[in-house]
Amino acid sequence: MAGPFGSFQSTFEQLGDTLISKVADEIFGDSGAARQTIVVIYNHGSQDLFYLSSSLQSGLFTAGAQPSQIAAGTIGGYKVESHGVLTGVTGADVRFGFSPSDSDYCLRIVSSNPYAGDNSAQADGQGGITVKSTFSVGNSNQVDVDVYASS
């Protein structure tokens, strides 16, 4: 089935990918990645979020854009990327806590931007927070995660 733009569908998708990439480059810098995922975390809560741990099946964190502390009421994030032919960023699993010494996470974000297959992202909140997330598709995609204090 053709998309809403008919025969121009692929042109509009390419334009969307280009615009997302240009905005991301302005914020995070252009690293020349073959694939990249930018994760933006909006901390609407009253507690700071502290980076606890991460793992990746493939890819790496962009230099200068690694996860860190996200103060209450602010925005933070990180960027993962891959370089080369037939590469992707898969299984990026990042965890945050309410304290840098927490053994359990309050926020966990898992994303994949593989060479072949569909992009995916999921965010999970526990310990008194509610999480809503959305993600885009393409070689350069973005995951937006809104974090709220549970009522």
Protein backbone atom coordinates (compact mmCIF):
# COMPACT_ATOMS: atom_id res chain seq x y z
CA MET A 1 0.00 0.00 0.00
CA ALA A 2 1.36 3.42 -0.94
CA GLY A 3 1.91 5.97 1.82
CA PRO A 4 0.02 9.26 2.09
CA PHE A 5 2.46 10.91 -0.35
CA GLY A 6 2.02 8.32 -3.12
CA SER A 7 5.00 8.07 -5.46
CA PHE A 8 6.77 10.83 -3.48
CA GLN A 9 6.78 8.77 -0.23
CA SER A 10 10.50 7.88 -0.34
CA THR A 11 11.43 11.50 -1.11
CA PHE A 12 9.53 12.72 1.96
CA GLU A 13 11.10 10.00 4.14
CA GLN A 14 14.59 11.01 2.96
CA LEU A 15 13.81 14.68 3.64
CA GLY A 16 12.64 13.76 7.16
CA ASP A 17 15.85 11.79 7.81
CA THR A 18 17.91 14.75 6.57
CA LEU A 19 16.09 17.25 8.82
CA ILE A 20 16.43 15.01 11.90
CA SER A 21 20.12 14.57 11.16
CA LYS A 22 20.72 18.33 10.75
CA VAL A 23 18.98 19.19 14.05
CA ALA A 24 20.90 16.42 15.85
CA ASP A 25 24.19 17.63 14.37
CA GLU A 26 23.53 21.13 15.70
CA ILE A 27 23.06 19.80 19.24
CA PHE A 28 25.45 16.83 19.39
CA GLY A 29 27.82 17.60 16.52
CA ASP A 30 28.31 15.60 13.34
CA SER A 31 30.44 12.55 14.10
CA GLY A 32 30.18 11.04 10.62
CA ALA A 33 28.31 8.00 11.97
CA ALA A 34 26.76 5.45 9.59
CA ARG A 35 23.91 5.01 12.09
CA GLN A 36 23.11 6.92 15.25
CA THR A 37 20.48 7.16 17.93
CA ILE A 38 20.04 10.31 19.99
CA VAL A 39 18.23 9.85 23.29
CA VAL A 40 16.68 12.97 24.84
CA ILE A 41 15.43 12.67 28.43
CA TYR A 42 13.01 15.27 29.77
CA ASN A 43 13.14 15.08 33.58
CA HIS A 44 9.79 16.56 34.66
CA GLY A 45 10.25 15.10 38.15
CA SER A 46 11.56 16.64 41.37
CA GLN A 47 14.58 14.31 41.75
CA ASP A 48 17.86 14.23 39.85
CA LEU A 49 18.62 11.17 37.72
CA PHE A 50 22.15 9.75 37.98
CA TYR A 51 23.78 7.57 35.33
CA LEU A 52 24.42 4.09 36.79
CA SER A 53 25.51 1.76 33.99
CA SER A 54 25.28 0.89 30.33
CA SER A 55 26.00 -1.85 27.82
CA LEU A 56 25.86 -2.12 24.05
CA GLN A 57 25.76 -5.20 21.84
CA SER A 58 27.26 -3.16 18.99
CA GLY A 59 28.20 0.49 18.51
CA LEU A 60 29.56 2.98 21.00
CA PHE A 61 28.75 6.19 22.83
CA THR A 62 29.61 9.34 20.91
CA ALA A 63 32.59 11.12 22.46
CA GLY A 64 31.33 14.04 24.51
CA ALA A 65 27.73 12.78 24.48
CA GLN A 66 27.82 10.01 27.09
CA PRO A 67 25.06 9.62 29.70
CA SER A 68 25.47 11.65 32.88
CA GLN A 69 23.42 13.27 35.64
CA ILE A 70 20.11 14.88 34.63
CA ALA A 71 18.96 17.46 37.16
CA ALA A 72 15.29 17.68 38.12
CA GLY A 73 13.33 19.91 35.77
CA THR A 74 15.98 19.81 33.02
CA ILE A 75 16.77 17.95 29.83
CA GLY A 76 19.68 15.58 29.27
CA GLY A 77 20.60 12.72 27.04
CA TYR A 78 23.23 10.81 25.13
CA LYS A 79 24.09 9.62 21.63
CA VAL A 80 25.14 6.16 20.42
CA GLU A 81 26.59 5.51 16.97
CA SER A 82 28.28 3.10 14.61
CA HIS A 83 30.79 3.65 11.83
CA GLY A 84 31.65 1.71 8.72
CA VAL A 85 29.81 -0.41 6.21
CA LEU A 86 27.05 -2.79 7.34
CA THR A 87 27.10 -1.55 10.94
CA GLY A 88 24.44 -0.64 13.45
CA VAL A 89 23.91 0.30 17.08
CA THR A 90 22.12 -2.53 18.85
CA GLY A 91 21.15 -3.34 22.41
CA ALA A 92 22.07 0.03 23.91
CA ASP A 93 20.91 -0.48 27.52
CA VAL A 94 21.31 2.58 29.78
CA ARG A 95 20.24 2.79 33.44
CA PHE A 96 19.74 5.73 35.78
CA GLY A 97 19.08 5.89 39.53
CA PHE A 98 18.07 8.49 42.10
CA SER A 99 21.59 8.31 43.58
CA PRO A 100 24.93 7.43 41.97
CA SER A 101 25.28 4.54 44.45
CA ASP A 102 21.86 2.94 43.76
CA SER A 103 21.96 -0.77 43.06
CA ASP A 104 18.56 -0.69 41.31
CA TYR A 105 17.60 1.60 38.46
CA CYS A 106 14.65 3.97 38.41
CA LEU A 107 14.92 4.54 34.63
CA ARG A 108 16.08 2.08 31.99
CA ILE A 109 16.25 2.85 28.27
CA VAL A 110 16.99 0.17 25.66
CA SER A 111 17.35 1.13 22.00
CA SER A 112 18.50 -0.46 18.74
CA ASN A 113 19.20 1.02 15.32
CA PRO A 114 20.39 -2.06 13.40
CA TYR A 115 21.86 -2.26 9.92
CA ALA A 116 19.03 -4.62 8.90
CA GLY A 117 15.62 -4.61 10.51
CA ASP A 118 13.47 -2.13 12.36
CA ASN A 119 14.56 0.42 14.93
CA SER A 120 13.25 -0.16 18.43
CA ALA A 121 13.24 1.65 21.76
CA GLN A 122 11.70 1.05 25.15
CA ALA A 123 11.84 2.96 28.42
CA ASP A 124 10.94 1.53 31.81
CA GLY A 125 10.43 3.47 35.04
CA GLN A 126 10.17 2.18 38.59
CA GLY A 127 10.58 3.47 42.11
CA GLY A 128 7.93 6.18 41.90
CA ILE A 129 8.34 7.48 38.36
CA THR A 130 6.21 7.21 35.25
CA VAL A 131 7.82 7.15 31.81
CA LYS A 132 6.45 7.91 28.35
CA SER A 133 8.62 7.43 25.28
CA THR A 134 8.49 7.81 21.51
CA PHE A 135 11.04 7.11 18.80
CA SER A 136 11.63 7.87 15.15
CA VAL A 137 13.02 5.65 12.40
CA GLY A 138 15.88 5.95 9.94
CA ASN A 139 19.67 5.75 9.99
CA SER A 140 19.71 8.78 12.29
CA ASN A 141 16.88 8.45 14.76
CA GLN A 142 15.81 9.97 18.05
CA VAL A 143 14.25 8.58 21.21
CA ASP A 144 12.35 11.04 23.43
CA VAL A 145 11.74 9.97 27.03
CA ASP A 146 9.52 11.98 29.39
CA VAL A 147 10.01 11.18 33.08
CA TYR A 148 7.33 12.18 35.64
CA ALA A 149 6.88 11.62 39.36
CA SER A 150 4.08 9.07 39.87
CA SER A 151 0.92 10.49 41.40
